[in-house]
Amino acid sequence: MKKNIVLIGMMGCGKTTVSQELSKVLTNYTLVDIDKEIEKSSGKKISEIFLKFGEPHFRMLESEKIKKFCTSESRRDPPYSRLCN
């Protein structure tokens, strides 16, 4: 069984760019943009979440999403791993 890959780092350090390049090489992984998933589920932009609720709240949402996508119970597609940024 393959492991998940989660890219972490400071804002603007290139996680999205690196994950997009990795997804071209690691074709049996599904690329998940955690920020986009948070925006989709909350109905708010990341900048709005930071302004209204602060960074600690955003980090909590981020951690929850990463855990969700890294557990086998949440998989809605074939059993291959996710590349999260």
C-alpha atoms as a PDB file:
ATOM      1  CA  MET A   1       0.000   0.000   0.000  1.00  0.00           C
ATOM      2  CA  LYS A   2       1.338   3.407  -0.957  1.00  0.00           C
ATOM      3  CA  LYS A   3       1.699   6.152   1.616  1.00  0.00           C
ATOM      4  CA  ASN A   4       0.181   9.594   1.303  1.00  0.00           C
ATOM      5  CA  ILE A   5       2.411  12.559   0.569  1.00  0.00           C
ATOM      6  CA  VAL A   6       1.627  15.834   2.320  1.00  0.00           C
ATOM      7  CA  LEU A   7       3.665  18.899   1.441  1.00  0.00           C
ATOM      8  CA  ILE A   8       4.089  21.396   4.253  1.00  0.00           C
ATOM      9  CA  GLY A   9       5.801  24.769   4.377  1.00  0.00           C
ATOM     10  CA  MET A  10       5.383  28.484   4.726  1.00  0.00           C
ATOM     11  CA  MET A  11       2.917  30.381   2.540  1.00  0.00           C
ATOM     12  CA  GLY A  12       4.423  31.151  -0.849  1.00  0.00           C
ATOM     13  CA  CYS A  13       7.263  28.619  -0.587  1.00  0.00           C
ATOM     14  CA  GLY A  14       6.122  26.657  -3.648  1.00  0.00           C
ATOM     15  CA  LYS A  15       4.000  23.778  -2.310  1.00  0.00           C
ATOM     16  CA  THR A  16       1.457  24.142  -5.116  1.00  0.00           C
ATOM     17  CA  THR A  17       4.130  24.318  -7.812  1.00  0.00           C
ATOM     18  CA  VAL A  18       5.990  21.292  -6.421  1.00  0.00           C
ATOM     19  CA  SER A  19       2.792  19.271  -5.979  1.00  0.00           C
ATOM     20  CA  GLN A  20       1.724  19.974  -9.556  1.00  0.00           C
ATOM     21  CA  GLU A  21       5.103  18.797 -10.845  1.00  0.00           C
ATOM     22  CA  LEU A  22       5.026  15.713  -8.603  1.00  0.00           C
ATOM     23  CA  SER A  23       1.556  14.814  -9.858  1.00  0.00           C
ATOM     24  CA  LYS A  24       2.954  14.640 -13.397  1.00  0.00           C
ATOM     25  CA  VAL A  25       5.498  12.038 -12.302  1.00  0.00           C
ATOM     26  CA  LEU A  26       3.486  10.200  -9.624  1.00  0.00           C
ATOM     27  CA  THR A  27       0.542   9.405 -11.855  1.00  0.00           C
ATOM     28  CA  ASN A  28      -0.946   6.856  -9.462  1.00  0.00           C
ATOM     29  CA  TYR A  29      -1.506   9.599  -6.870  1.00  0.00           C
ATOM     30  CA  THR A  30      -4.465  11.976  -6.759  1.00  0.00           C
ATOM     31  CA  LEU A  31      -3.509  15.619  -6.287  1.00  0.00           C
ATOM     32  CA  VAL A  32      -5.595  17.350  -3.624  1.00  0.00           C
ATOM     33  CA  ASP A  33      -5.239  21.074  -2.997  1.00  0.00           C
ATOM     34  CA  ILE A  34      -6.228  21.386   0.653  1.00  0.00           C
ATOM     35  CA  ASP A  35      -6.872  25.134   0.386  1.00  0.00           C
ATOM     36  CA  LYS A  36      -9.329  24.542  -2.456  1.00  0.00           C
ATOM     37  CA  GLU A  37     -11.025  21.775  -0.471  1.00  0.00           C
ATOM     38  CA  ILE A  38     -11.388  24.110   2.528  1.00  0.00           C
ATOM     39  CA  GLU A  39     -12.824  26.858   0.316  1.00  0.00           C
ATOM     40  CA  LYS A  40     -15.261  24.394  -1.263  1.00  0.00           C
ATOM     41  CA  SER A  41     -16.528  23.018   2.047  1.00  0.00           C
ATOM     42  CA  SER A  42     -16.669  26.341   3.906  1.00  0.00           C
ATOM     43  CA  GLY A  43     -17.961  28.484   1.061  1.00  0.00           C
ATOM     44  CA  LYS A  44     -15.324  31.084   1.954  1.00  0.00           C
ATOM     45  CA  LYS A  45     -11.980  32.117   0.489  1.00  0.00           C
ATOM     46  CA  ILE A  46      -8.902  31.354   2.590  1.00  0.00           C
ATOM     47  CA  SER A  47      -8.247  35.083   3.006  1.00  0.00           C
ATOM     48  CA  GLU A  48     -11.788  35.522   4.375  1.00  0.00           C
ATOM     49  CA  ILE A  49     -11.305  32.682   6.867  1.00  0.00           C
ATOM     50  CA  PHE A  50      -8.077  34.307   8.096  1.00  0.00           C
ATOM     51  CA  LEU A  51      -9.774  37.702   8.440  1.00  0.00           C
ATOM     52  CA  LYS A  52     -12.966  36.496  10.137  1.00  0.00           C
ATOM     53  CA  PHE A  53     -11.698  33.616  12.256  1.00  0.00           C
ATOM     54  CA  GLY A  54      -7.905  33.962  12.450  1.00  0.00           C
ATOM     55  CA  GLU A  55      -5.005  31.682  11.657  1.00  0.00           C
ATOM     56  CA  PRO A  56      -5.627  29.160  14.493  1.00  0.00           C
ATOM     57  CA  HIS A  57      -9.091  28.404  13.079  1.00  0.00           C
ATOM     58  CA  PHE A  58      -7.699  28.016   9.560  1.00  0.00           C
ATOM     59  CA  ARG A  59      -4.956  25.659  10.809  1.00  0.00           C
ATOM     60  CA  MET A  60      -7.599  23.549  12.556  1.00  0.00           C
ATOM     61  CA  LEU A  61      -9.627  23.309   9.315  1.00  0.00           C
ATOM     62  CA  GLU A  62      -6.453  22.487   7.406  1.00  0.00           C
ATOM     63  CA  SER A  63      -5.486  19.708   9.837  1.00  0.00           C
ATOM     64  CA  GLU A  64      -8.973  18.206   9.680  1.00  0.00           C
ATOM     65  CA  LYS A  65      -8.958  18.169   5.865  1.00  0.00           C
ATOM     66  CA  ILE A  66      -5.508  16.580   5.694  1.00  0.00           C
ATOM     67  CA  LYS A  67      -6.577  13.870   8.156  1.00  0.00           C
ATOM     68  CA  LYS A  68      -9.758  13.272   6.150  1.00  0.00           C
ATOM     69  CA  PHE A  69      -7.917  12.833   2.881  1.00  0.00           C
ATOM     70  CA  CYS A  70      -5.237  10.640   4.426  1.00  0.00           C
ATOM     71  CA  THR A  71      -7.622   8.083   5.886  1.00  0.00           C
ATOM     72  CA  SER A  72      -8.878   5.200   3.830  1.00  0.00           C
ATOM     73  CA  GLU A  73     -12.440   5.693   5.088  1.00  0.00           C
ATOM     74  CA  SER A  74     -12.726   9.007   3.225  1.00  0.00           C
ATOM     75  CA  ARG A  75     -11.677   7.685  -0.163  1.00  0.00           C
ATOM     76  CA  ARG A  76     -14.358   8.030  -2.768  1.00  0.00           C
ATOM     77  CA  ASP A  77     -12.290   6.715  -5.633  1.00  0.00           C
ATOM     78  CA  PRO A  78     -10.052   3.713  -6.366  1.00  0.00           C
ATOM     79  CA  PRO A  79      -7.505   2.841  -3.673  1.00  0.00           C
ATOM     80  CA  TYR A  80      -4.570   5.014  -4.598  1.00  0.00           C
ATOM     81  CA  SER A  81      -2.834   7.572  -2.447  1.00  0.00           C
ATOM     82  CA  ARG A  82      -3.199  11.299  -2.391  1.00  0.00           C
ATOM     83  CA  LEU A  83      -0.672  14.042  -2.882  1.00  0.00           C
ATOM     84  CA  CYS A  84      -1.826  16.931  -0.668  1.00  0.00           C
ATOM     85  CA  ASN A  85      -0.491  20.466  -0.621  1.00  0.00           C
END
